[in-house]
Amino acid sequence: MHERCPVCGLKFDRGNGYFTGAWAINLVVAETIATAIWLPLAVGTTMPVDAVTAVGVGASIGLPVVGFRPSRALWIALDRLLNPVS
């Protein structure tokens, strides 16, 4: 991740623990979506257990990785919205 925004110069790293909320948002959203994907597959009997397990593990690991950068961007945007620079 860049240290500063190339357009406006905003410093991204605000110190230790700043992005903890972004990690929490990312994890909750990703695991909710993953559960919504694999739970109907697990309840139904049309797919083999191994395939359902592969889908569940793939979604539970892949979605937080995919959502890492967008969640950090969302966290910075929320911070800028709630704490505008004067």
Protein backbone atom coordinates (compact mmCIF):
# COMPACT_ATOMS: atom_id res chain seq x y z
CA MET A 1 0.00 0.00 0.00
CA HIS A 2 1.26 3.46 -0.80
CA GLU A 3 2.33 5.65 2.11
CA ARG A 4 0.35 8.62 0.76
CA CYS A 5 -2.41 9.12 -1.79
CA PRO A 6 -0.84 10.09 -5.13
CA VAL A 7 -3.71 12.52 -5.85
CA CYS A 8 -4.40 14.38 -2.60
CA GLY A 9 -1.40 13.45 -0.44
CA LEU A 10 -3.50 11.88 2.35
CA LYS A 11 -1.35 9.79 4.67
CA PHE A 12 -2.81 6.28 4.77
CA ASP A 13 -0.97 4.84 7.78
CA ARG A 14 -2.32 6.48 10.92
CA GLY A 15 -0.45 4.35 13.46
CA ASN A 16 -0.77 1.01 15.14
CA GLY A 17 -4.31 -0.26 15.41
CA TYR A 18 -5.86 2.22 12.99
CA PHE A 19 -7.11 -0.44 10.58
CA THR A 20 -8.46 -2.81 13.26
CA GLY A 21 -11.99 -1.68 12.43
CA ALA A 22 -11.36 -2.35 8.75
CA TRP A 23 -10.23 -5.88 9.57
CA ALA A 24 -13.37 -6.41 11.64
CA ILE A 25 -15.65 -5.11 8.88
CA ASN A 26 -13.84 -7.25 6.31
CA LEU A 27 -14.09 -10.39 8.42
CA VAL A 28 -17.75 -9.97 9.35
CA VAL A 29 -18.86 -9.17 5.80
CA ALA A 30 -16.71 -11.87 4.17
CA GLU A 31 -17.74 -14.63 6.57
CA THR A 32 -21.41 -13.65 6.35
CA ILE A 33 -21.24 -13.94 2.56
CA ALA A 34 -19.27 -17.19 2.80
CA THR A 35 -21.87 -18.65 5.13
CA ALA A 36 -24.67 -17.53 2.81
CA ILE A 37 -22.87 -19.36 -0.02
CA TRP A 38 -22.06 -22.67 1.62
CA LEU A 39 -24.90 -23.13 4.13
CA PRO A 40 -27.58 -23.83 1.49
CA LEU A 41 -25.17 -26.24 -0.18
CA ALA A 42 -24.51 -28.01 3.12
CA VAL A 43 -28.21 -28.33 3.95
CA GLY A 44 -29.12 -29.65 0.52
CA THR A 45 -28.24 -33.17 -0.50
CA THR A 46 -27.45 -32.51 -4.16
CA MET A 47 -23.69 -31.92 -3.74
CA PRO A 48 -21.12 -34.29 -2.26
CA VAL A 49 -19.72 -33.39 1.15
CA ASP A 50 -16.20 -32.93 -0.25
CA ALA A 51 -17.40 -30.37 -2.79
CA VAL A 52 -19.37 -28.44 -0.16
CA THR A 53 -16.31 -28.44 2.11
CA ALA A 54 -14.11 -27.16 -0.72
CA VAL A 55 -16.58 -24.37 -1.52
CA GLY A 56 -16.88 -23.43 2.17
CA VAL A 57 -13.14 -23.38 2.82
CA GLY A 58 -12.46 -21.53 -0.43
CA ALA A 59 -15.06 -18.87 0.32
CA SER A 60 -14.01 -18.50 3.96
CA ILE A 61 -10.38 -17.96 2.99
CA GLY A 62 -10.78 -16.23 -0.37
CA LEU A 63 -13.36 -13.58 0.46
CA PRO A 64 -11.38 -11.91 3.28
CA VAL A 65 -8.33 -11.79 0.99
CA VAL A 66 -10.37 -10.23 -1.83
CA GLY A 67 -11.98 -7.72 0.55
CA PHE A 68 -8.76 -6.61 2.27
CA ARG A 69 -8.01 -3.49 0.24
CA PRO A 70 -11.64 -2.37 -0.23
CA SER A 71 -12.26 -2.64 3.51
CA ARG A 72 -9.24 -0.45 4.22
CA ALA A 73 -10.48 2.10 1.66
CA LEU A 74 -13.94 2.02 3.24
CA TRP A 75 -12.42 2.56 6.68
CA ILE A 76 -10.43 5.59 5.50
CA ALA A 77 -13.55 6.98 3.77
CA LEU A 78 -15.60 6.57 6.96
CA ASP A 79 -12.85 8.25 8.95
CA ARG A 80 -12.75 11.17 6.52
CA LEU A 81 -16.55 11.43 6.60
CA LEU A 82 -16.79 11.42 10.40
CA ASN A 83 -13.58 13.39 11.05
CA PRO A 84 -13.22 15.88 8.19
CA VAL A 85 -10.01 17.83 7.80
CA SER A 86 -10.56 21.45 8.67
